[in-house]
Amino acid sequence: MHPKELQKLLQKIEGTQEEALISRLTLRSMKQARYTVENTGHFGLAADCYCHFTSPIRRYPDLQIHRIIKESLRGRLNEKRIEHYEHILPEVAKHSSEMERRADEAERETIKMKKVQYMEAHVGETFEGVISGVTEWGFFVELPNTVEGLVRVTSLTDDFYQYYEDTYELVGEVTNRRYKLGQKVYVTVEHCDRILRTIDFILADKTEILEVSDENGENS
């Protein structure tokens, strides 16, 4: 797939209720970026040549490139220095990629922890959200404030729900009720766990109102 096709998709959904969800799923579908000594271009920018040079914050790879450019401008990038960089840069790229993964993971876990702490004050309250992920053990719901929690399939007591991986949805065997990506639901905050950094939701009765509205082609 060419990057421009993704750009067209993102432009098409701009301003819609599904924009945040689809944008995030699109990002998740891409390969994780890594530093390398090979010029593989930049998929997102549709650029054949790309170098990690600078940004509002200075990462170590930025500084490494700065050093090489300075040596070249000052006429010091001789054969010996080139051999030196050819020897060390593969390991520098690998180490930088590993450290960035660790930093990203620490950031994600910290954000999750703060969200759990925030939602502890809202246990028992009901919110409207959008289904952001579906698995065989339940589905995740994202609230407008970006907090995400899990509705466990064991809490869906009105039917036995089967998970269909090809369509990413849970379907009730008797009622044929479906829960799928992008669907609006009302959920009540049931439990928050700081240690596990998880939030549990249960479906609220208002979900039935949303289903009726969707069938009639109306917005709730």
N, C-alpha and C. Protein backbone atom coordinates (compact mmCIF):
# COMPACT_ATOMS: atom_id res chain seq x y z
N MET A 1 0.84 -1.20 0.00
CA MET A 1 0.00 0.00 0.00
C MET A 1 0.88 1.25 0.00
N HIS A 2 0.51 2.21 -0.83
CA HIS A 2 1.28 3.45 -0.91
C HIS A 2 0.82 4.42 0.19
N PRO A 3 1.74 5.18 0.75
CA PRO A 3 1.39 6.13 1.82
C PRO A 3 0.26 7.08 1.44
N LYS A 4 0.18 7.45 0.16
CA LYS A 4 -0.85 8.40 -0.26
C LYS A 4 -2.25 7.82 -0.08
N GLU A 5 -2.38 6.48 -0.15
CA GLU A 5 -3.69 5.86 0.07
C GLU A 5 -4.12 6.05 1.52
N LEU A 6 -3.17 5.94 2.43
CA LEU A 6 -3.48 6.18 3.84
C LEU A 6 -3.84 7.65 4.08
N GLN A 7 -3.13 8.54 3.38
CA GLN A 7 -3.43 9.97 3.51
C GLN A 7 -4.85 10.27 3.04
N LYS A 8 -5.28 9.62 1.96
CA LYS A 8 -6.64 9.81 1.45
C LYS A 8 -7.66 9.33 2.47
N LEU A 9 -7.37 8.18 3.09
CA LEU A 9 -8.27 7.63 4.10
C LEU A 9 -8.41 8.59 5.28
N LEU A 10 -7.28 9.09 5.77
CA LEU A 10 -7.31 9.99 6.93
C LEU A 10 -8.00 11.31 6.60
N GLN A 11 -7.84 11.78 5.37
CA GLN A 11 -8.52 13.01 4.95
C GLN A 11 -10.03 12.78 4.86
N LYS A 12 -10.41 11.58 4.44
CA LYS A 12 -11.83 11.26 4.28
C LYS A 12 -12.56 11.23 5.62
N ILE A 13 -11.88 10.77 6.66
CA ILE A 13 -12.53 10.64 7.97
C ILE A 13 -12.31 11.86 8.86
N GLU A 14 -11.59 12.85 8.34
CA GLU A 14 -11.29 14.04 9.15
C GLU A 14 -12.58 14.74 9.59
N GLY A 15 -12.68 14.99 10.88
CA GLY A 15 -13.85 15.68 11.41
C GLY A 15 -15.01 14.77 11.78
N THR A 16 -14.89 13.45 11.50
CA THR A 16 -15.96 12.52 11.83
C THR A 16 -15.76 11.97 13.23
N GLN A 17 -16.80 11.31 13.75
CA GLN A 17 -16.72 10.73 15.09
C GLN A 17 -15.71 9.58 15.14
N GLU A 18 -15.50 8.96 13.98
CA GLU A 18 -14.61 7.80 13.93
C GLU A 18 -13.15 8.18 13.71
N GLU A 19 -12.86 9.48 13.55
CA GLU A 19 -11.50 9.91 13.18
C GLU A 19 -10.43 9.41 14.15
N ALA A 20 -10.64 9.63 15.44
CA ALA A 20 -9.62 9.25 16.43
C ALA A 20 -9.38 7.74 16.43
N LEU A 21 -10.48 6.97 16.37
CA LEU A 21 -10.37 5.51 16.40
C LEU A 21 -9.64 4.98 15.18
N ILE A 22 -10.07 5.41 13.99
CA ILE A 22 -9.45 4.91 12.75
C ILE A 22 -8.01 5.36 12.65
N SER A 23 -7.71 6.58 13.05
CA SER A 23 -6.33 7.07 13.01
C SER A 23 -5.43 6.22 13.88
N ARG A 24 -5.92 5.88 15.07
CA ARG A 24 -5.11 5.08 15.99
C ARG A 24 -4.92 3.65 15.47
N LEU A 25 -5.98 3.06 14.91
CA LEU A 25 -5.87 1.71 14.37
C LEU A 25 -4.95 1.68 13.16
N THR A 26 -4.98 2.75 12.36
CA THR A 26 -4.08 2.84 11.21
C THR A 26 -2.63 2.88 11.68
N LEU A 27 -2.38 3.66 12.72
CA LEU A 27 -1.03 3.77 13.26
C LEU A 27 -0.55 2.43 13.83
N ARG A 28 -1.45 1.73 14.52
CA ARG A 28 -1.09 0.44 15.10
C ARG A 28 -0.77 -0.60 14.05
N SER A 29 -1.38 -0.48 12.87
CA SER A 29 -1.17 -1.46 11.80
C SER A 29 0.20 -1.33 11.14
N MET A 30 0.87 -0.22 11.36
CA MET A 30 2.17 0.00 10.73
C MET A 30 3.28 -0.67 11.55
N LYS A 31 4.36 -0.97 10.87
CA LYS A 31 5.52 -1.53 11.55
C LYS A 31 6.11 -0.48 12.48
N GLN A 32 6.62 -0.97 13.60
CA GLN A 32 7.24 -0.05 14.56
C GLN A 32 8.55 0.49 13.99
N ALA A 33 8.73 1.79 14.12
CA ALA A 33 9.93 2.42 13.57
C ALA A 33 11.17 1.98 14.35
N ARG A 34 12.29 1.92 13.66
CA ARG A 34 13.55 1.59 14.32
C ARG A 34 14.69 2.32 13.62
N TYR A 35 15.75 2.52 14.35
CA TYR A 35 16.94 3.16 13.78
C TYR A 35 17.79 2.11 13.07
N THR A 36 18.33 2.47 11.91
CA THR A 36 19.16 1.56 11.15
C THR A 36 20.18 2.35 10.34
N VAL A 37 21.29 1.70 10.01
CA VAL A 37 22.31 2.36 9.18
C VAL A 37 21.95 2.29 7.70
N GLU A 38 20.93 1.50 7.37
CA GLU A 38 20.50 1.38 5.98
C GLU A 38 19.49 2.48 5.65
N ASN A 39 19.57 3.03 4.45
CA ASN A 39 18.61 4.04 4.02
C ASN A 39 17.37 3.34 3.45
N THR A 40 16.35 3.20 4.28
CA THR A 40 15.11 2.54 3.86
C THR A 40 14.00 3.54 3.58
N GLY A 41 14.32 4.84 3.61
CA GLY A 41 13.30 5.85 3.35
C GLY A 41 12.37 6.05 4.53
N HIS A 42 11.26 6.72 4.28
CA HIS A 42 10.27 6.99 5.32
C HIS A 42 8.89 6.74 4.73
N PHE A 43 8.21 5.70 5.23
CA PHE A 43 6.91 5.31 4.67
C PHE A 43 5.88 6.42 4.83
N GLY A 44 5.76 6.96 6.04
CA GLY A 44 4.75 7.98 6.31
C GLY A 44 4.90 9.23 5.48
N LEU A 45 6.15 9.61 5.20
CA LEU A 45 6.42 10.81 4.40
C LEU A 45 6.53 10.50 2.91
N ALA A 46 6.47 9.21 2.57
CA ALA A 46 6.62 8.77 1.17
C ALA A 46 7.94 9.27 0.60
N ALA A 47 8.99 9.25 1.44
CA ALA A 47 10.30 9.75 1.03
C ALA A 47 11.26 8.58 0.81
N ASP A 48 11.96 8.60 -0.31
CA ASP A 48 12.93 7.54 -0.60
C ASP A 48 14.17 7.66 0.28
N CYS A 49 14.52 8.89 0.63
CA CYS A 49 15.69 9.14 1.49
C CYS A 49 15.25 9.87 2.76
N TYR A 50 15.72 9.39 3.89
CA TYR A 50 15.32 10.01 5.15
C TYR A 50 16.43 9.82 6.18
N CYS A 51 16.67 10.87 6.94
CA CYS A 51 17.66 10.80 8.02
C CYS A 51 17.08 11.46 9.26
N HIS A 52 17.20 10.79 10.40
CA HIS A 52 16.70 11.33 11.66
C HIS A 52 17.67 12.41 12.12
N PHE A 53 17.32 13.67 11.86
CA PHE A 53 18.29 14.74 12.07
C PHE A 53 17.99 15.60 13.29
N THR A 54 16.80 16.14 13.38
CA THR A 54 16.51 17.03 14.49
C THR A 54 15.01 17.07 14.76
N SER A 55 14.65 17.58 15.91
CA SER A 55 13.26 17.68 16.34
C SER A 55 13.21 18.65 17.51
N PRO A 56 12.02 18.97 18.01
CA PRO A 56 11.96 19.86 19.18
C PRO A 56 12.75 19.33 20.38
N ILE A 57 12.89 18.02 20.46
CA ILE A 57 13.74 17.44 21.50
C ILE A 57 14.89 16.71 20.81
N ARG A 58 16.05 16.69 21.44
CA ARG A 58 17.22 16.06 20.84
C ARG A 58 17.34 14.61 21.31
N ARG A 59 17.19 13.68 20.39
CA ARG A 59 17.45 12.28 20.69
C ARG A 59 18.92 11.99 20.38
N TYR A 60 19.42 10.89 20.93
CA TYR A 60 20.82 10.57 20.71
C TYR A 60 21.15 10.39 19.23
N PRO A 61 20.30 9.73 18.43
CA PRO A 61 20.60 9.62 16.99
C PRO A 61 20.75 10.98 16.31
N ASP A 62 19.99 11.99 16.77
CA ASP A 62 20.15 13.35 16.22
C ASP A 62 21.58 13.84 16.45
N LEU A 63 22.04 13.69 17.69
CA LEU A 63 23.37 14.17 18.05
C LEU A 63 24.46 13.42 17.29
N GLN A 64 24.24 12.12 17.06
CA GLN A 64 25.23 11.35 16.31
C GLN A 64 25.36 11.85 14.88
N ILE A 65 24.22 12.18 14.27
CA ILE A 65 24.24 12.73 12.91
C ILE A 65 24.91 14.10 12.90
N HIS A 66 24.64 14.90 13.92
CA HIS A 66 25.27 16.23 14.01
C HIS A 66 26.80 16.11 14.04
N ARG A 67 27.30 15.15 14.80
CA ARG A 67 28.74 14.95 14.90
C ARG A 67 29.36 14.60 13.54
N ILE A 68 28.67 13.70 12.82
CA ILE A 68 29.19 13.28 11.51
C ILE A 68 29.21 14.45 10.54
N ILE A 69 28.14 15.25 10.55
CA ILE A 69 28.06 16.41 9.66
C ILE A 69 29.16 17.42 9.99
N LYS A 70 29.36 17.67 11.29
CA LYS A 70 30.41 18.60 11.70
C LYS A 70 31.79 18.14 11.23
N GLU A 71 32.06 16.84 11.38
CA GLU A 71 33.35 16.31 10.94
C GLU A 71 33.52 16.48 9.44
N SER A 72 32.42 16.26 8.70
CA SER A 72 32.49 16.39 7.24
C SER A 72 32.74 17.84 6.85
N LEU A 73 32.03 18.78 7.49
CA LEU A 73 32.18 20.21 7.16
C LEU A 73 33.58 20.72 7.52
N ARG A 74 34.19 20.14 8.53
CA ARG A 74 35.52 20.58 8.97
C ARG A 74 36.65 19.80 8.29
N GLY A 75 36.26 18.92 7.34
CA GLY A 75 37.26 18.17 6.60
C GLY A 75 37.95 17.07 7.38
N ARG A 76 37.31 16.61 8.44
CA ARG A 76 37.93 15.59 9.29
C ARG A 76 37.36 14.18 9.06
N LEU A 77 36.40 14.07 8.13
CA LEU A 77 35.78 12.77 7.91
C LEU A 77 36.63 11.97 6.91
N ASN A 78 37.80 11.55 7.38
CA ASN A 78 38.70 10.79 6.52
C ASN A 78 38.35 9.30 6.54
N GLU A 79 39.12 8.52 5.84
CA GLU A 79 38.84 7.08 5.71
C GLU A 79 38.83 6.38 7.07
N LYS A 80 39.75 6.78 7.94
CA LYS A 80 39.81 6.17 9.26
C LYS A 80 38.55 6.45 10.07
N ARG A 81 38.05 7.69 10.00
CA ARG A 81 36.83 8.05 10.73
C ARG A 81 35.61 7.35 10.14
N ILE A 82 35.60 7.21 8.81
CA ILE A 82 34.49 6.51 8.17
C ILE A 82 34.45 5.05 8.64
N GLU A 83 35.63 4.41 8.70
CA GLU A 83 35.70 3.03 9.18
C GLU A 83 35.23 2.94 10.63
N HIS A 84 35.57 3.96 11.42
CA HIS A 84 35.14 4.00 12.82
C HIS A 84 33.62 4.02 12.92
N TYR A 85 33.00 4.90 12.13
CA TYR A 85 31.54 5.00 12.18
C TYR A 85 30.87 3.75 11.62
N GLU A 86 31.43 3.18 10.58
CA GLU A 86 30.87 1.94 10.02
C GLU A 86 30.91 0.82 11.04
N HIS A 87 31.88 0.89 11.94
CA HIS A 87 32.01 -0.14 12.97
C HIS A 87 31.03 0.06 14.12
N ILE A 88 30.85 1.29 14.56
CA ILE A 88 30.04 1.53 15.77
C ILE A 88 28.57 1.81 15.50
N LEU A 89 28.24 2.35 14.32
CA LEU A 89 26.86 2.82 14.10
C LEU A 89 25.80 1.72 14.12
N PRO A 90 26.06 0.50 13.61
CA PRO A 90 25.02 -0.53 13.74
C PRO A 90 24.61 -0.79 15.18
N GLU A 91 25.59 -0.83 16.09
CA GLU A 91 25.28 -1.04 17.50
C GLU A 91 24.61 0.20 18.10
N VAL A 92 25.03 1.39 17.68
CA VAL A 92 24.40 2.63 18.15
C VAL A 92 22.92 2.65 17.75
N ALA A 93 22.64 2.25 16.51
CA ALA A 93 21.26 2.23 16.02
C ALA A 93 20.43 1.21 16.79
N LYS A 94 20.99 0.03 17.01
CA LYS A 94 20.27 -1.02 17.75
C LYS A 94 19.98 -0.58 19.18
N HIS A 95 20.99 -0.04 19.85
CA HIS A 95 20.82 0.40 21.24
C HIS A 95 19.82 1.54 21.35
N SER A 96 19.87 2.47 20.40
CA SER A 96 18.94 3.61 20.42
C SER A 96 17.50 3.12 20.23
N SER A 97 17.31 2.14 19.36
CA SER A 97 15.97 1.59 19.14
C SER A 97 15.45 0.93 20.41
N GLU A 98 16.31 0.15 21.08
CA GLU A 98 15.91 -0.53 22.31
C GLU A 98 15.56 0.47 23.41
N MET A 99 16.36 1.50 23.55
CA MET A 99 16.10 2.50 24.58
C MET A 99 14.81 3.28 24.31
N GLU A 100 14.54 3.54 23.03
CA GLU A 100 13.31 4.26 22.69
C GLU A 100 12.09 3.40 22.99
N ARG A 101 12.19 2.08 22.75
CA ARG A 101 11.09 1.18 23.09
C ARG A 101 10.81 1.22 24.59
N ARG A 102 11.89 1.19 25.37
CA ARG A 102 11.73 1.21 26.83
C ARG A 102 11.13 2.53 27.29
N ALA A 103 11.55 3.62 26.70
CA ALA A 103 11.01 4.93 27.07
C ALA A 103 9.53 5.04 26.71
N ASP A 104 9.18 4.54 25.52
CA ASP A 104 7.78 4.57 25.09
C ASP A 104 6.90 3.73 26.01
N GLU A 105 7.41 2.56 26.39
CA GLU A 105 6.65 1.68 27.27
C GLU A 105 6.46 2.32 28.64
N ALA A 106 7.50 2.95 29.16
CA ALA A 106 7.40 3.64 30.45
C ALA A 106 6.37 4.76 30.39
N GLU A 107 6.37 5.48 29.28
CA GLU A 107 5.40 6.57 29.10
C GLU A 107 3.97 6.03 29.06
N ARG A 108 3.78 4.94 28.30
CA ARG A 108 2.43 4.35 28.20
C ARG A 108 1.94 3.87 29.56
N GLU A 109 2.81 3.19 30.30
CA GLU A 109 2.40 2.66 31.60
C GLU A 109 2.10 3.78 32.59
N THR A 110 2.86 4.87 32.53
CA THR A 110 2.61 6.01 33.41
C THR A 110 1.27 6.66 33.10
N ILE A 111 0.98 6.82 31.81
CA ILE A 111 -0.30 7.41 31.41
C ILE A 111 -1.45 6.52 31.86
N LYS A 112 -1.30 5.19 31.69
CA LYS A 112 -2.35 4.26 32.12
C LYS A 112 -2.58 4.38 33.62
N MET A 113 -1.50 4.48 34.39
CA MET A 113 -1.62 4.59 35.85
C MET A 113 -2.37 5.86 36.25
N LYS A 114 -2.04 6.99 35.61
CA LYS A 114 -2.70 8.25 35.94
C LYS A 114 -4.18 8.22 35.54
N LYS A 115 -4.49 7.53 34.45
CA LYS A 115 -5.89 7.42 34.04
C LYS A 115 -6.68 6.59 35.04
N VAL A 116 -6.07 5.51 35.54
CA VAL A 116 -6.73 4.69 36.55
C VAL A 116 -6.98 5.52 37.81
N GLN A 117 -5.98 6.27 38.24
CA GLN A 117 -6.14 7.12 39.42
C GLN A 117 -7.27 8.13 39.22
N TYR A 118 -7.35 8.69 38.04
CA TYR A 118 -8.39 9.68 37.75
C TYR A 118 -9.78 9.04 37.80
N MET A 119 -9.91 7.83 37.22
CA MET A 119 -11.22 7.20 37.12
C MET A 119 -11.69 6.60 38.44
N GLU A 120 -10.79 6.46 39.42
CA GLU A 120 -11.20 5.95 40.73
C GLU A 120 -12.28 6.82 41.35
N ALA A 121 -12.25 8.10 41.04
CA ALA A 121 -13.25 9.03 41.59
C ALA A 121 -14.57 8.93 40.85
N HIS A 122 -14.61 8.14 39.78
CA HIS A 122 -15.83 8.05 38.96
C HIS A 122 -16.42 6.64 38.93
N VAL A 123 -15.99 5.78 39.85
CA VAL A 123 -16.57 4.43 39.94
C VAL A 123 -18.07 4.56 40.20
N GLY A 124 -18.86 3.83 39.43
CA GLY A 124 -20.30 3.88 39.56
C GLY A 124 -20.97 4.85 38.61
N GLU A 125 -20.18 5.72 37.97
CA GLU A 125 -20.74 6.68 37.02
C GLU A 125 -20.83 6.07 35.62
N THR A 126 -21.74 6.61 34.82
CA THR A 126 -21.99 6.09 33.47
C THR A 126 -21.53 7.08 32.42
N PHE A 127 -20.89 6.56 31.37
CA PHE A 127 -20.36 7.39 30.30
C PHE A 127 -20.71 6.78 28.94
N GLU A 128 -20.75 7.64 27.93
CA GLU A 128 -20.88 7.15 26.56
C GLU A 128 -19.48 6.97 26.00
N GLY A 129 -19.27 5.88 25.27
CA GLY A 129 -17.97 5.62 24.68
C GLY A 129 -18.09 4.89 23.36
N VAL A 130 -16.94 4.56 22.79
CA VAL A 130 -16.89 3.87 21.50
C VAL A 130 -16.05 2.61 21.67
N ILE A 131 -16.51 1.51 21.11
CA ILE A 131 -15.75 0.26 21.17
C ILE A 131 -14.48 0.41 20.35
N SER A 132 -13.34 0.27 21.02
CA SER A 132 -12.04 0.50 20.37
C SER A 132 -11.26 -0.77 20.12
N GLY A 133 -11.73 -1.89 20.65
CA GLY A 133 -11.05 -3.17 20.44
C GLY A 133 -11.96 -4.30 20.86
N VAL A 134 -11.88 -5.42 20.15
CA VAL A 134 -12.72 -6.58 20.45
C VAL A 134 -11.85 -7.83 20.52
N THR A 135 -12.03 -8.61 21.58
CA THR A 135 -11.30 -9.86 21.75
C THR A 135 -12.28 -10.94 22.19
N GLU A 136 -11.79 -12.16 22.31
CA GLU A 136 -12.66 -13.25 22.73
C GLU A 136 -13.06 -13.13 24.20
N TRP A 137 -12.31 -12.36 24.99
CA TRP A 137 -12.66 -12.22 26.41
C TRP A 137 -13.42 -10.93 26.71
N GLY A 138 -13.75 -10.14 25.69
CA GLY A 138 -14.53 -8.93 25.90
C GLY A 138 -14.19 -7.86 24.89
N PHE A 139 -14.62 -6.64 25.17
CA PHE A 139 -14.28 -5.54 24.26
C PHE A 139 -13.89 -4.30 25.06
N PHE A 140 -12.99 -3.53 24.45
CA PHE A 140 -12.50 -2.30 25.07
C PHE A 140 -13.35 -1.12 24.60
N VAL A 141 -13.61 -0.21 25.53
CA VAL A 141 -14.40 0.98 25.23
C VAL A 141 -13.57 2.21 25.57
N GLU A 142 -13.48 3.13 24.62
CA GLU A 142 -12.75 4.38 24.86
C GLU A 142 -13.73 5.51 25.09
N LEU A 143 -13.52 6.26 26.15
CA LEU A 143 -14.36 7.41 26.48
C LEU A 143 -13.83 8.65 25.76
N PRO A 144 -14.64 9.70 25.66
CA PRO A 144 -14.19 10.94 25.01
C PRO A 144 -12.93 11.53 25.63
N ASN A 145 -12.66 11.23 26.91
CA ASN A 145 -11.46 11.75 27.57
C ASN A 145 -10.24 10.86 27.35
N THR A 146 -10.33 9.90 26.42
CA THR A 146 -9.28 8.94 26.01
C THR A 146 -9.06 7.81 27.00
N VAL A 147 -9.79 7.77 28.11
CA VAL A 147 -9.69 6.64 29.04
C VAL A 147 -10.29 5.41 28.37
N GLU A 148 -9.59 4.27 28.52
CA GLU A 148 -10.05 3.03 27.91
C GLU A 148 -10.21 1.96 28.99
N GLY A 149 -11.32 1.23 28.92
CA GLY A 149 -11.58 0.17 29.88
C GLY A 149 -12.14 -1.05 29.18
N LEU A 150 -12.22 -2.16 29.92
CA LEU A 150 -12.65 -3.43 29.35
C LEU A 150 -14.03 -3.83 29.86
N VAL A 151 -14.90 -4.20 28.93
CA VAL A 151 -16.17 -4.84 29.27
C VAL A 151 -15.94 -6.34 29.07
N ARG A 152 -15.87 -7.08 30.16
CA ARG A 152 -15.57 -8.51 30.07
C ARG A 152 -16.77 -9.28 29.53
N VAL A 153 -16.48 -10.29 28.70
CA VAL A 153 -17.56 -11.07 28.11
C VAL A 153 -18.35 -11.80 29.20
N THR A 154 -17.71 -12.08 30.32
CA THR A 154 -18.40 -12.75 31.43
C THR A 154 -19.46 -11.86 32.06
N SER A 155 -19.37 -10.54 31.81
CA SER A 155 -20.38 -9.62 32.37
C SER A 155 -21.59 -9.49 31.46
N LEU A 156 -21.51 -10.06 30.24
CA LEU A 156 -22.63 -10.01 29.30
C LEU A 156 -23.51 -11.23 29.55
N THR A 157 -24.42 -11.11 30.49
CA THR A 157 -25.19 -12.26 30.96
C THR A 157 -26.48 -12.49 30.19
N ASP A 158 -26.80 -11.64 29.21
CA ASP A 158 -28.06 -11.79 28.49
C ASP A 158 -27.98 -12.85 27.40
N ASP A 159 -26.76 -13.34 27.10
CA ASP A 159 -26.59 -14.30 26.01
C ASP A 159 -25.19 -14.90 26.10
N PHE A 160 -24.94 -15.91 25.27
CA PHE A 160 -23.58 -16.45 25.13
C PHE A 160 -22.98 -15.83 23.87
N TYR A 161 -21.87 -15.12 24.03
CA TYR A 161 -21.30 -14.37 22.91
C TYR A 161 -20.10 -15.09 22.30
N GLN A 162 -20.15 -15.20 20.97
CA GLN A 162 -19.09 -15.83 20.20
C GLN A 162 -18.25 -14.75 19.53
N TYR A 163 -16.93 -14.93 19.59
CA TYR A 163 -16.01 -13.95 18.99
C TYR A 163 -15.69 -14.36 17.56
N TYR A 164 -15.87 -13.40 16.63
CA TYR A 164 -15.55 -13.62 15.22
C TYR A 164 -14.34 -12.76 14.87
N GLU A 165 -13.20 -13.43 14.71
CA GLU A 165 -11.95 -12.72 14.50
C GLU A 165 -11.90 -11.99 13.17
N ASP A 166 -12.55 -12.56 12.13
CA ASP A 166 -12.47 -11.94 10.80
C ASP A 166 -13.21 -10.61 10.73
N THR A 167 -14.24 -10.44 11.58
CA THR A 167 -15.00 -9.18 11.57
C THR A 167 -14.82 -8.38 12.86
N TYR A 168 -14.00 -8.89 13.77
CA TYR A 168 -13.73 -8.22 15.04
C TYR A 168 -15.02 -7.84 15.76
N GLU A 169 -15.85 -8.85 16.03
CA GLU A 169 -17.09 -8.57 16.74
C GLU A 169 -17.49 -9.76 17.61
N LEU A 170 -18.26 -9.46 18.65
CA LEU A 170 -18.87 -10.47 19.50
C LEU A 170 -20.34 -10.55 19.13
N VAL A 171 -20.84 -11.76 18.92
CA VAL A 171 -22.23 -11.95 18.47
C VAL A 171 -22.94 -12.90 19.42
N GLY A 172 -24.12 -12.50 19.90
CA GLY A 172 -24.91 -13.34 20.77
C GLY A 172 -25.55 -14.48 20.00
N GLU A 173 -25.42 -15.71 20.51
CA GLU A 173 -25.93 -16.88 19.79
C GLU A 173 -27.45 -16.87 19.68
N VAL A 174 -28.14 -16.37 20.68
CA VAL A 174 -29.61 -16.39 20.68
C VAL A 174 -30.17 -15.06 20.18
N THR A 175 -29.70 -13.96 20.73
CA THR A 175 -30.25 -12.64 20.40
C THR A 175 -29.67 -12.06 19.12
N ASN A 176 -28.51 -12.57 18.70
CA ASN A 176 -27.77 -12.03 17.54
C ASN A 176 -27.31 -10.59 17.79
N ARG A 177 -27.30 -10.19 19.05
CA ARG A 177 -26.80 -8.86 19.39
C ARG A 177 -25.30 -8.81 19.13
N ARG A 178 -24.86 -7.69 18.57
CA ARG A 178 -23.46 -7.58 18.14
C ARG A 178 -22.76 -6.40 18.81
N TYR A 179 -21.50 -6.63 19.10
CA TYR A 179 -20.63 -5.56 19.61
C TYR A 179 -19.38 -5.54 18.73
N LYS A 180 -19.18 -4.41 18.03
CA LYS A 180 -18.10 -4.34 17.04
C LYS A 180 -17.37 -3.01 17.12
N LEU A 181 -16.23 -2.94 16.43
CA LEU A 181 -15.40 -1.73 16.42
C LEU A 181 -16.19 -0.51 15.98
N GLY A 182 -16.01 0.59 16.70
CA GLY A 182 -16.66 1.84 16.33
C GLY A 182 -18.07 2.01 16.84
N GLN A 183 -18.63 0.98 17.45
CA GLN A 183 -20.01 1.05 17.95
C GLN A 183 -20.08 1.87 19.23
N LYS A 184 -21.09 2.73 19.32
CA LYS A 184 -21.28 3.54 20.52
C LYS A 184 -22.02 2.73 21.59
N VAL A 185 -21.56 2.82 22.82
CA VAL A 185 -22.20 2.14 23.94
C VAL A 185 -22.14 3.03 25.18
N TYR A 186 -23.00 2.74 26.12
CA TYR A 186 -22.94 3.38 27.43
C TYR A 186 -22.35 2.37 28.41
N VAL A 187 -21.39 2.81 29.20
CA VAL A 187 -20.76 1.91 30.17
C VAL A 187 -20.71 2.57 31.53
N THR A 188 -20.72 1.73 32.55
CA THR A 188 -20.57 2.18 33.93
C THR A 188 -19.22 1.71 34.45
N VAL A 189 -18.50 2.60 35.12
CA VAL A 189 -17.20 2.25 35.68
C VAL A 189 -17.42 1.33 36.87
N GLU A 190 -16.91 0.10 36.77
CA GLU A 190 -17.13 -0.89 37.82
C GLU A 190 -15.96 -1.00 38.79
N HIS A 191 -14.73 -1.01 38.25
CA HIS A 191 -13.57 -1.24 39.11
C HIS A 191 -12.31 -0.64 38.49
N CYS A 192 -11.43 -0.11 39.34
CA CYS A 192 -10.14 0.41 38.90
C CYS A 192 -9.04 -0.25 39.72
N ASP A 193 -7.99 -0.71 39.05
CA ASP A 193 -6.90 -1.40 39.72
C ASP A 193 -5.59 -0.67 39.43
N ARG A 194 -5.04 0.02 40.44
CA ARG A 194 -3.80 0.78 40.24
C ARG A 194 -2.61 -0.13 39.96
N ILE A 195 -2.57 -1.29 40.62
CA ILE A 195 -1.42 -2.18 40.46
C ILE A 195 -1.36 -2.75 39.05
N LEU A 196 -2.49 -3.24 38.56
CA LEU A 196 -2.55 -3.80 37.21
C LEU A 196 -2.74 -2.71 36.15
N ARG A 197 -3.09 -1.51 36.61
CA ARG A 197 -3.35 -0.38 35.71
C ARG A 197 -4.47 -0.71 34.71
N THR A 198 -5.56 -1.25 35.25
CA THR A 198 -6.70 -1.62 34.42
C THR A 198 -7.98 -0.99 34.94
N ILE A 199 -8.93 -0.81 34.03
CA ILE A 199 -10.24 -0.26 34.36
C ILE A 199 -11.29 -1.21 33.80
N ASP A 200 -12.22 -1.63 34.64
CA ASP A 200 -13.30 -2.52 34.21
C ASP A 200 -14.59 -1.73 34.07
N PHE A 201 -15.25 -1.93 32.94
CA PHE A 201 -16.56 -1.35 32.68
C PHE A 201 -17.60 -2.47 32.66
N ILE A 202 -18.85 -2.08 32.87
CA ILE A 202 -19.99 -2.96 32.57
C ILE A 202 -20.95 -2.15 31.72
N LEU A 203 -21.68 -2.84 30.85
CA LEU A 203 -22.63 -2.14 30.00
C LEU A 203 -23.75 -1.54 30.83
N ALA A 204 -24.14 -0.33 30.48
CA ALA A 204 -25.25 0.34 31.15
C ALA A 204 -26.52 0.12 30.34
N ASP A 205 -27.66 0.31 30.98
CA ASP A 205 -28.95 0.10 30.31
C ASP A 205 -29.13 1.00 29.11
N LYS A 206 -28.45 2.16 29.09
CA LYS A 206 -28.60 3.11 27.99
C LYS A 206 -28.11 2.53 26.67
N THR A 207 -27.35 1.42 26.70
CA THR A 207 -26.88 0.79 25.47
C THR A 207 -28.05 0.40 24.59
N GLU A 208 -29.15 -0.05 25.21
CA GLU A 208 -30.33 -0.44 24.45
C GLU A 208 -30.91 0.77 23.71
N ILE A 209 -30.82 1.95 24.31
CA ILE A 209 -31.31 3.16 23.66
C ILE A 209 -30.47 3.45 22.42
N LEU A 210 -29.16 3.27 22.53
CA LEU A 210 -28.27 3.50 21.39
C LEU A 210 -28.57 2.54 20.26
N GLU A 211 -28.85 1.26 20.59
CA GLU A 211 -29.13 0.27 19.56
C GLU A 211 -30.40 0.64 18.79
N VAL A 212 -31.42 1.08 19.51
CA VAL A 212 -32.66 1.48 18.85
C VAL A 212 -32.42 2.69 17.96
N SER A 213 -31.63 3.66 18.45
CA SER A 213 -31.33 4.86 17.67
C SER A 213 -30.57 4.52 16.41
N ASP A 214 -29.60 3.59 16.50
CA ASP A 214 -28.81 3.20 15.34
C ASP A 214 -29.69 2.51 14.30
N GLU A 215 -30.64 1.69 14.75
CA GLU A 215 -31.53 1.01 13.82
C GLU A 215 -32.41 2.00 13.07
N ASN A 216 -32.78 3.08 13.73
CA ASN A 216 -33.63 4.10 13.10
C ASN A 216 -32.83 5.12 12.32
N GLY A 217 -31.50 4.97 12.33
CA GLY A 217 -30.65 5.90 11.60
C GLY A 217 -30.52 7.24 12.27
N GLU A 218 -30.71 7.28 13.59
CA GLU A 218 -30.63 8.53 14.32
C GLU A 218 -29.40 8.52 15.21
N ASN A 219 -28.96 9.70 15.59
CA ASN A 219 -27.86 9.84 16.52
C ASN A 219 -28.41 9.99 17.92
N SER A 220 -27.75 9.37 18.89
CA SER A 220 -28.22 9.50 20.27
C SER A 220 -27.71 10.80 20.86
